[in-house]
Amino acid sequence: MDSDEDALLREQIAYYRAHAGGYDRPYAERKELRELLAMANNLPIVGDVLELACGTGQWTGALAARARSVTAVDVSDETLGIARARVASPNVQFVQADLFTWRPPRRYDTVFLAFWLSHIPPSRLPDFWNAVAGALAPNGKAIFIDDGPAEAAREEVLAQQPIPAVLRRLDDGSPYRIVKVFHDADELTDKLAALGWSADVRTVGGSFILGTAEPLANPG
């Protein structure tokens, strides 16, 4: 496995652990993010839901309101602590785990990920989508929301990197590199098709992408 990639992913985890207290700030500052969050009520969230990279639980409560159960997974204890305090629902279970190595012990009707797909190195996309397919029950669907290419203007994009990355800083100025792939809706649809998925990916809210995907040969 590429050592540079491993180092970058460790730095990404360290950033989100250190940044847990400021994780929710963009939702307070940006009306378009709050409007995006409200779209959860119109998404095809059904049955038992697996939420990947739940962060501080911004989306978890909305999922729980529509699902039979939610299993919400994140690598950071710090963000999970905030999520547990925010979402005290009996049908929600929080799990601390590294999503690049963790495999669910059961299958789900819906796999949901908000602003996580862009943090996956391109080399790991095939394995990631294979894992999602393995987590889905028959006729299950994956639903994802993320930053589209227009959001790159808000970031300090690092040029000429072997893995797409941006530089973010904590309030004290400490710099951290994180993986950031600004997926184009059409290109991502084609990539998913090549990986064996039927996907509908579109731009929403001006600069975000929203997608639903179903494996063509569901291993369930």
C-alpha atoms as a PDB file:
ATOM      1  CA  MET A   1       0.000   0.000   0.000  1.00  0.00           C
ATOM      2  CA  ASP A   2       1.278   3.446  -0.837  1.00  0.00           C
ATOM      3  CA  SER A   3       2.988   4.986   2.203  1.00  0.00           C
ATOM      4  CA  ASP A   4       2.259   8.543   1.037  1.00  0.00           C
ATOM      5  CA  GLU A   5      -1.411   7.652   0.833  1.00  0.00           C
ATOM      6  CA  ASP A   6      -1.360   6.133   4.312  1.00  0.00           C
ATOM      7  CA  ALA A   7       0.326   9.242   5.705  1.00  0.00           C
ATOM      8  CA  LEU A   8      -2.220  11.497   4.047  1.00  0.00           C
ATOM      9  CA  LEU A   9      -5.120   9.471   5.440  1.00  0.00           C
ATOM     10  CA  ARG A  10      -3.609   9.582   8.940  1.00  0.00           C
ATOM     11  CA  GLU A  11      -3.326  13.342   8.604  1.00  0.00           C
ATOM     12  CA  GLN A  12      -6.943  13.511   7.445  1.00  0.00           C
ATOM     13  CA  ILE A  13      -8.106  11.585  10.519  1.00  0.00           C
ATOM     14  CA  ALA A  14      -5.998  13.796  12.784  1.00  0.00           C
ATOM     15  CA  TYR A  15      -7.564  16.892  11.249  1.00  0.00           C
ATOM     16  CA  TYR A  16     -11.131  15.781  11.816  1.00  0.00           C
ATOM     17  CA  ARG A  17     -10.386  14.707  15.379  1.00  0.00           C
ATOM     18  CA  ALA A  18      -8.788  18.077  16.152  1.00  0.00           C
ATOM     19  CA  HIS A  19     -11.484  19.974  14.259  1.00  0.00           C
ATOM     20  CA  ALA A  20     -14.486  18.275  15.894  1.00  0.00           C
ATOM     21  CA  GLY A  21     -15.500  21.442  17.746  1.00  0.00           C
ATOM     22  CA  GLY A  22     -15.640  23.417  14.493  1.00  0.00           C
ATOM     23  CA  TYR A  23     -17.147  20.684  12.338  1.00  0.00           C
ATOM     24  CA  ASP A  24     -20.636  22.195  12.402  1.00  0.00           C
ATOM     25  CA  ARG A  25     -19.538  25.743  11.611  1.00  0.00           C
ATOM     26  CA  PRO A  26     -20.192  25.560   7.835  1.00  0.00           C
ATOM     27  CA  TYR A  27     -23.806  24.544   8.493  1.00  0.00           C
ATOM     28  CA  ALA A  28     -24.271  27.638  10.643  1.00  0.00           C
ATOM     29  CA  GLU A  29     -22.551  29.915   8.146  1.00  0.00           C
ATOM     30  CA  ARG A  30     -23.927  28.670   4.830  1.00  0.00           C
ATOM     31  CA  LYS A  31     -27.615  28.765   3.981  1.00  0.00           C
ATOM     32  CA  GLU A  32     -27.093  26.422   1.028  1.00  0.00           C
ATOM     33  CA  LEU A  33     -25.801  23.698   3.346  1.00  0.00           C
ATOM     34  CA  ARG A  34     -28.840  24.025   5.589  1.00  0.00           C
ATOM     35  CA  GLU A  35     -31.073  23.816   2.512  1.00  0.00           C
ATOM     36  CA  LEU A  36     -29.170  20.725   1.410  1.00  0.00           C
ATOM     37  CA  LEU A  37     -29.705  19.156   4.822  1.00  0.00           C
ATOM     38  CA  ALA A  38     -33.447  19.770   4.475  1.00  0.00           C
ATOM     39  CA  MET A  39     -33.415  17.670   1.296  1.00  0.00           C
ATOM     40  CA  ALA A  40     -33.008  14.552   3.425  1.00  0.00           C
ATOM     41  CA  ASN A  41     -36.782  14.502   3.807  1.00  0.00           C
ATOM     42  CA  ASN A  42     -37.126  13.872   0.072  1.00  0.00           C
ATOM     43  CA  LEU A  43     -34.448  11.206  -0.293  1.00  0.00           C
ATOM     44  CA  PRO A  44     -35.360   7.512  -0.702  1.00  0.00           C
ATOM     45  CA  ILE A  45     -34.214   6.600   2.809  1.00  0.00           C
ATOM     46  CA  VAL A  46     -35.819   3.274   3.708  1.00  0.00           C
ATOM     47  CA  GLY A  47     -35.474   0.379   6.114  1.00  0.00           C
ATOM     48  CA  ASP A  48     -32.208  -0.222   7.928  1.00  0.00           C
ATOM     49  CA  VAL A  49     -29.655   2.466   7.108  1.00  0.00           C
ATOM     50  CA  LEU A  50     -25.865   2.426   7.293  1.00  0.00           C
ATOM     51  CA  GLU A  51     -24.421   5.944   7.497  1.00  0.00           C
ATOM     52  CA  LEU A  52     -20.742   6.157   6.631  1.00  0.00           C
ATOM     53  CA  ALA A  53     -18.620   8.972   8.123  1.00  0.00           C
ATOM     54  CA  CYS A  54     -21.472  10.402  10.181  1.00  0.00           C
ATOM     55  CA  GLY A  55     -19.271  13.105  11.728  1.00  0.00           C
ATOM     56  CA  THR A  56     -21.151  15.095  14.345  1.00  0.00           C
ATOM     57  CA  GLY A  57     -24.516  13.632  13.331  1.00  0.00           C
ATOM     58  CA  GLN A  58     -25.764  16.518  11.208  1.00  0.00           C
ATOM     59  CA  TRP A  59     -27.548  14.041   8.927  1.00  0.00           C
ATOM     60  CA  THR A  60     -28.104  11.207  11.390  1.00  0.00           C
ATOM     61  CA  GLY A  61     -31.249  12.574  12.988  1.00  0.00           C
ATOM     62  CA  ALA A  62     -32.890  13.180   9.619  1.00  0.00           C
ATOM     63  CA  LEU A  63     -32.052   9.623   8.595  1.00  0.00           C
ATOM     64  CA  ALA A  64     -33.397   8.219  11.870  1.00  0.00           C
ATOM     65  CA  ALA A  65     -36.713   9.979  11.320  1.00  0.00           C
ATOM     66  CA  ARG A  66     -37.214   8.018   8.092  1.00  0.00           C
ATOM     67  CA  ALA A  67     -35.446   4.733   8.800  1.00  0.00           C
ATOM     68  CA  ARG A  68     -36.235   1.615  10.778  1.00  0.00           C
ATOM     69  CA  SER A  69     -32.723   1.795  12.202  1.00  0.00           C
ATOM     70  CA  VAL A  70     -29.492   3.710  11.617  1.00  0.00           C
ATOM     71  CA  THR A  71     -25.978   2.428  12.154  1.00  0.00           C
ATOM     72  CA  ALA A  72     -23.771   5.531  12.062  1.00  0.00           C
ATOM     73  CA  VAL A  73     -20.026   4.964  11.701  1.00  0.00           C
ATOM     74  CA  ASP A  74     -17.110   7.347  12.058  1.00  0.00           C
ATOM     75  CA  VAL A  75     -13.417   7.026  12.851  1.00  0.00           C
ATOM     76  CA  SER A  76     -13.319   9.969  15.270  1.00  0.00           C
ATOM     77  CA  ASP A  77     -14.348   9.550  18.899  1.00  0.00           C
ATOM     78  CA  GLU A  78     -14.442  13.337  19.157  1.00  0.00           C
ATOM     79  CA  THR A  79     -17.083  13.830  16.462  1.00  0.00           C
ATOM     80  CA  LEU A  80     -19.007  10.766  17.630  1.00  0.00           C
ATOM     81  CA  GLY A  81     -19.276  12.287  21.093  1.00  0.00           C
ATOM     82  CA  ILE A  82     -21.026  15.298  19.575  1.00  0.00           C
ATOM     83  CA  ALA A  83     -23.214  13.064  17.427  1.00  0.00           C
ATOM     84  CA  ARG A  84     -24.341  10.962  20.395  1.00  0.00           C
ATOM     85  CA  ALA A  85     -25.327  14.114  22.293  1.00  0.00           C
ATOM     86  CA  ARG A  86     -27.189  15.480  19.265  1.00  0.00           C
ATOM     87  CA  VAL A  87     -29.101  12.321  18.309  1.00  0.00           C
ATOM     88  CA  ALA A  88     -30.557  10.495  21.285  1.00  0.00           C
ATOM     89  CA  SER A  89     -32.794   8.198  19.263  1.00  0.00           C
ATOM     90  CA  PRO A  90     -33.407   4.580  20.263  1.00  0.00           C
ATOM     91  CA  ASN A  91     -33.130   3.405  16.653  1.00  0.00           C
ATOM     92  CA  VAL A  92     -29.590   4.810  16.194  1.00  0.00           C
ATOM     93  CA  GLN A  93     -26.384   2.936  16.977  1.00  0.00           C
ATOM     94  CA  PHE A  94     -23.025   4.708  16.742  1.00  0.00           C
ATOM     95  CA  VAL A  95     -19.879   2.779  15.844  1.00  0.00           C
ATOM     96  CA  GLN A  96     -16.275   4.000  16.016  1.00  0.00           C
ATOM     97  CA  ALA A  97     -14.290   2.438  13.157  1.00  0.00           C
ATOM     98  CA  ASP A  98     -11.919   3.155  10.286  1.00  0.00           C
ATOM     99  CA  LEU A  99     -14.069   2.928   7.165  1.00  0.00           C
ATOM    100  CA  PHE A 100     -11.144   1.707   5.054  1.00  0.00           C
ATOM    101  CA  THR A 101     -10.841  -1.462   7.126  1.00  0.00           C
ATOM    102  CA  TRP A 102     -14.239  -1.934   8.846  1.00  0.00           C
ATOM    103  CA  ARG A 103     -16.816  -4.257   7.346  1.00  0.00           C
ATOM    104  CA  PRO A 104     -20.410  -4.320   8.601  1.00  0.00           C
ATOM    105  CA  PRO A 105     -21.626  -7.529  10.215  1.00  0.00           C
ATOM    106  CA  ARG A 106     -24.953  -7.370   8.384  1.00  0.00           C
ATOM    107  CA  ARG A 107     -26.657  -5.884   5.311  1.00  0.00           C
ATOM    108  CA  TYR A 108     -28.683  -2.700   4.978  1.00  0.00           C
ATOM    109  CA  ASP A 109     -31.450  -1.373   2.781  1.00  0.00           C
ATOM    110  CA  THR A 110     -29.750   2.015   2.409  1.00  0.00           C
ATOM    111  CA  VAL A 111     -26.124   3.093   2.621  1.00  0.00           C
ATOM    112  CA  PHE A 112     -25.828   6.859   3.069  1.00  0.00           C
ATOM    113  CA  LEU A 113     -22.762   9.071   2.913  1.00  0.00           C
ATOM    114  CA  ALA A 114     -22.648  12.850   3.168  1.00  0.00           C
ATOM    115  CA  PHE A 115     -19.370  14.559   2.253  1.00  0.00           C
ATOM    116  CA  TRP A 116     -17.335  11.376   2.553  1.00  0.00           C
ATOM    117  CA  LEU A 117     -16.902  10.224  -1.045  1.00  0.00           C
ATOM    118  CA  SER A 118     -14.647  13.199  -1.782  1.00  0.00           C
ATOM    119  CA  HIS A 119     -12.259  12.084   0.990  1.00  0.00           C
ATOM    120  CA  ILE A 120     -11.568   8.686  -0.591  1.00  0.00           C
ATOM    121  CA  PRO A 121      -8.333   8.437  -2.614  1.00  0.00           C
ATOM    122  CA  PRO A 122      -9.069   7.516  -6.241  1.00  0.00           C
ATOM    123  CA  SER A 123      -7.032   4.311  -5.908  1.00  0.00           C
ATOM    124  CA  ARG A 124      -9.425   3.111  -3.195  1.00  0.00           C
ATOM    125  CA  LEU A 125     -12.694   3.818  -5.000  1.00  0.00           C
ATOM    126  CA  PRO A 126     -13.103   0.294  -6.478  1.00  0.00           C
ATOM    127  CA  ASP A 127     -12.595  -1.398  -3.108  1.00  0.00           C
ATOM    128  CA  PHE A 128     -14.856   1.150  -1.429  1.00  0.00           C
ATOM    129  CA  TRP A 129     -17.745   0.584  -3.816  1.00  0.00           C
ATOM    130  CA  ASN A 130     -17.268  -3.188  -3.593  1.00  0.00           C
ATOM    131  CA  ALA A 131     -17.591  -2.868   0.181  1.00  0.00           C
ATOM    132  CA  VAL A 132     -20.751  -0.766  -0.193  1.00  0.00           C
ATOM    133  CA  ALA A 133     -22.229  -3.364  -2.536  1.00  0.00           C
ATOM    134  CA  GLY A 134     -21.455  -6.047   0.014  1.00  0.00           C
ATOM    135  CA  ALA A 135     -23.216  -4.015   2.713  1.00  0.00           C
ATOM    136  CA  LEU A 136     -26.451  -3.668   0.730  1.00  0.00           C
ATOM    137  CA  ALA A 137     -29.418  -5.995   1.028  1.00  0.00           C
ATOM    138  CA  PRO A 138     -31.093  -7.120  -2.213  1.00  0.00           C
ATOM    139  CA  ASN A 139     -32.566  -4.081  -4.007  1.00  0.00           C
ATOM    140  CA  GLY A 140     -30.695  -1.783  -1.617  1.00  0.00           C
ATOM    141  CA  LYS A 141     -29.398   1.607  -2.704  1.00  0.00           C
ATOM    142  CA  ALA A 142     -26.493   3.882  -1.884  1.00  0.00           C
ATOM    143  CA  ILE A 143     -27.234   7.590  -1.526  1.00  0.00           C
ATOM    144  CA  PHE A 144     -24.510  10.204  -1.406  1.00  0.00           C
ATOM    145  CA  ILE A 145     -24.142  13.967  -1.164  1.00  0.00           C
ATOM    146  CA  ASP A 146     -20.867  15.790  -1.629  1.00  0.00           C
ATOM    147  CA  ASP A 147     -18.984  18.804  -2.914  1.00  0.00           C
ATOM    148  CA  GLY A 148     -18.953  19.275  -6.660  1.00  0.00           C
ATOM    149  CA  PRO A 149     -16.192  20.959  -8.685  1.00  0.00           C
ATOM    150  CA  ALA A 150     -17.477  24.476  -7.944  1.00  0.00           C
ATOM    151  CA  GLU A 151     -16.658  23.998  -4.254  1.00  0.00           C
ATOM    152  CA  ALA A 152     -12.946  23.829  -5.085  1.00  0.00           C
ATOM    153  CA  ALA A 153     -12.934  27.629  -5.151  1.00  0.00           C
ATOM    154  CA  ARG A 154     -13.523  27.578  -1.382  1.00  0.00           C
ATOM    155  CA  GLU A 155     -10.501  25.391  -0.711  1.00  0.00           C
ATOM    156  CA  GLU A 156      -6.731  25.748  -0.743  1.00  0.00           C
ATOM    157  CA  VAL A 157      -6.141  23.085  -3.373  1.00  0.00           C
ATOM    158  CA  LEU A 158      -2.658  21.569  -3.363  1.00  0.00           C
ATOM    159  CA  ALA A 159      -1.275  21.459  -6.890  1.00  0.00           C
ATOM    160  CA  GLN A 160       0.633  18.610  -8.520  1.00  0.00           C
ATOM    161  CA  GLN A 161      -0.097  16.069  -5.815  1.00  0.00           C
ATOM    162  CA  PRO A 162      -0.167  12.311  -6.493  1.00  0.00           C
ATOM    163  CA  ILE A 163      -3.434  12.179  -4.536  1.00  0.00           C
ATOM    164  CA  PRO A 164      -5.945  15.045  -4.858  1.00  0.00           C
ATOM    165  CA  ALA A 165      -5.695  17.049  -1.641  1.00  0.00           C
ATOM    166  CA  VAL A 166      -6.426  20.391  -0.026  1.00  0.00           C
ATOM    167  CA  LEU A 167      -4.851  22.206   2.890  1.00  0.00           C
ATOM    168  CA  ARG A 168      -7.057  23.142   5.824  1.00  0.00           C
ATOM    169  CA  ARG A 169      -6.140  24.973   8.988  1.00  0.00           C
ATOM    170  CA  LEU A 170      -7.438  24.814  12.528  1.00  0.00           C
ATOM    171  CA  ASP A 171      -8.363  27.996  14.363  1.00  0.00           C
ATOM    172  CA  ASP A 172      -4.833  28.105  15.777  1.00  0.00           C
ATOM    173  CA  GLY A 173      -3.386  28.011  12.265  1.00  0.00           C
ATOM    174  CA  SER A 174      -2.168  24.405  12.368  1.00  0.00           C
ATOM    175  CA  PRO A 175      -2.143  23.070   8.783  1.00  0.00           C
ATOM    176  CA  TYR A 176      -3.484  19.661   7.769  1.00  0.00           C
ATOM    177  CA  ARG A 177      -3.672  17.989   4.385  1.00  0.00           C
ATOM    178  CA  ILE A 178      -6.807  16.038   3.581  1.00  0.00           C
ATOM    179  CA  VAL A 179      -7.885  14.038   0.543  1.00  0.00           C
ATOM    180  CA  LYS A 180     -10.377  16.007  -1.527  1.00  0.00           C
ATOM    181  CA  VAL A 181     -11.741  14.862  -4.875  1.00  0.00           C
ATOM    182  CA  PHE A 182     -14.294  17.248  -6.361  1.00  0.00           C
ATOM    183  CA  HIS A 183     -16.331  14.777  -8.400  1.00  0.00           C
ATOM    184  CA  ASP A 184     -18.108  15.966 -11.528  1.00  0.00           C
ATOM    185  CA  ALA A 185     -21.610  14.477 -11.710  1.00  0.00           C
ATOM    186  CA  ASP A 186     -21.312  13.090 -15.246  1.00  0.00           C
ATOM    187  CA  GLU A 187     -17.788  11.759 -14.762  1.00  0.00           C
ATOM    188  CA  LEU A 188     -18.756  10.086 -11.503  1.00  0.00           C
ATOM    189  CA  THR A 189     -21.762   8.454 -13.167  1.00  0.00           C
ATOM    190  CA  ASP A 190     -19.405   6.979 -15.763  1.00  0.00           C
ATOM    191  CA  LYS A 191     -16.924   5.820 -13.106  1.00  0.00           C
ATOM    192  CA  LEU A 192     -19.691   4.073 -11.190  1.00  0.00           C
ATOM    193  CA  ALA A 193     -20.942   2.402 -14.363  1.00  0.00           C
ATOM    194  CA  ALA A 194     -17.435   1.058 -14.973  1.00  0.00           C
ATOM    195  CA  LEU A 195     -17.464  -0.327 -11.420  1.00  0.00           C
ATOM    196  CA  GLY A 196     -20.764  -2.143 -11.986  1.00  0.00           C
ATOM    197  CA  TRP A 197     -23.277   0.384 -10.651  1.00  0.00           C
ATOM    198  CA  SER A 198     -26.353   2.003 -12.085  1.00  0.00           C
ATOM    199  CA  ALA A 199     -26.186   5.580 -10.830  1.00  0.00           C
ATOM    200  CA  ASP A 200     -28.049   8.851 -11.134  1.00  0.00           C
ATOM    201  CA  VAL A 201     -25.792  11.736 -10.117  1.00  0.00           C
ATOM    202  CA  ARG A 202     -26.822  15.361 -10.496  1.00  0.00           C
ATOM    203  CA  THR A 203     -25.783  18.812  -9.370  1.00  0.00           C
ATOM    204  CA  VAL A 204     -27.909  20.365  -6.641  1.00  0.00           C
ATOM    205  CA  GLY A 205     -27.786  23.644  -4.755  1.00  0.00           C
ATOM    206  CA  GLY A 206     -25.478  25.122  -7.362  1.00  0.00           C
ATOM    207  CA  SER A 207     -22.268  23.424  -6.278  1.00  0.00           C
ATOM    208  CA  PHE A 208     -23.058  20.068  -4.657  1.00  0.00           C
ATOM    209  CA  ILE A 209     -23.702  16.635  -6.105  1.00  0.00           C
ATOM    210  CA  LEU A 210     -26.465  14.227  -5.113  1.00  0.00           C
ATOM    211  CA  GLY A 211     -26.444  10.646  -6.254  1.00  0.00           C
ATOM    212  CA  THR A 212     -28.304   7.370  -5.888  1.00  0.00           C
ATOM    213  CA  ALA A 213     -26.672   4.152  -6.991  1.00  0.00           C
ATOM    214  CA  GLU A 214     -27.543   0.487  -7.141  1.00  0.00           C
ATOM    215  CA  PRO A 215     -25.164  -2.379  -7.957  1.00  0.00           C
ATOM    216  CA  LEU A 216     -26.069  -4.060 -11.223  1.00  0.00           C
ATOM    217  CA  ALA A 217     -25.239  -7.444  -9.709  1.00  0.00           C
ATOM    218  CA  ASN A 218     -26.121  -7.042  -6.056  1.00  0.00           C
ATOM    219  CA  PRO A 219     -24.137  -9.591  -4.023  1.00  0.00           C
ATOM    220  CA  GLY A 220     -27.082  -9.751  -1.644  1.00  0.00           C
END
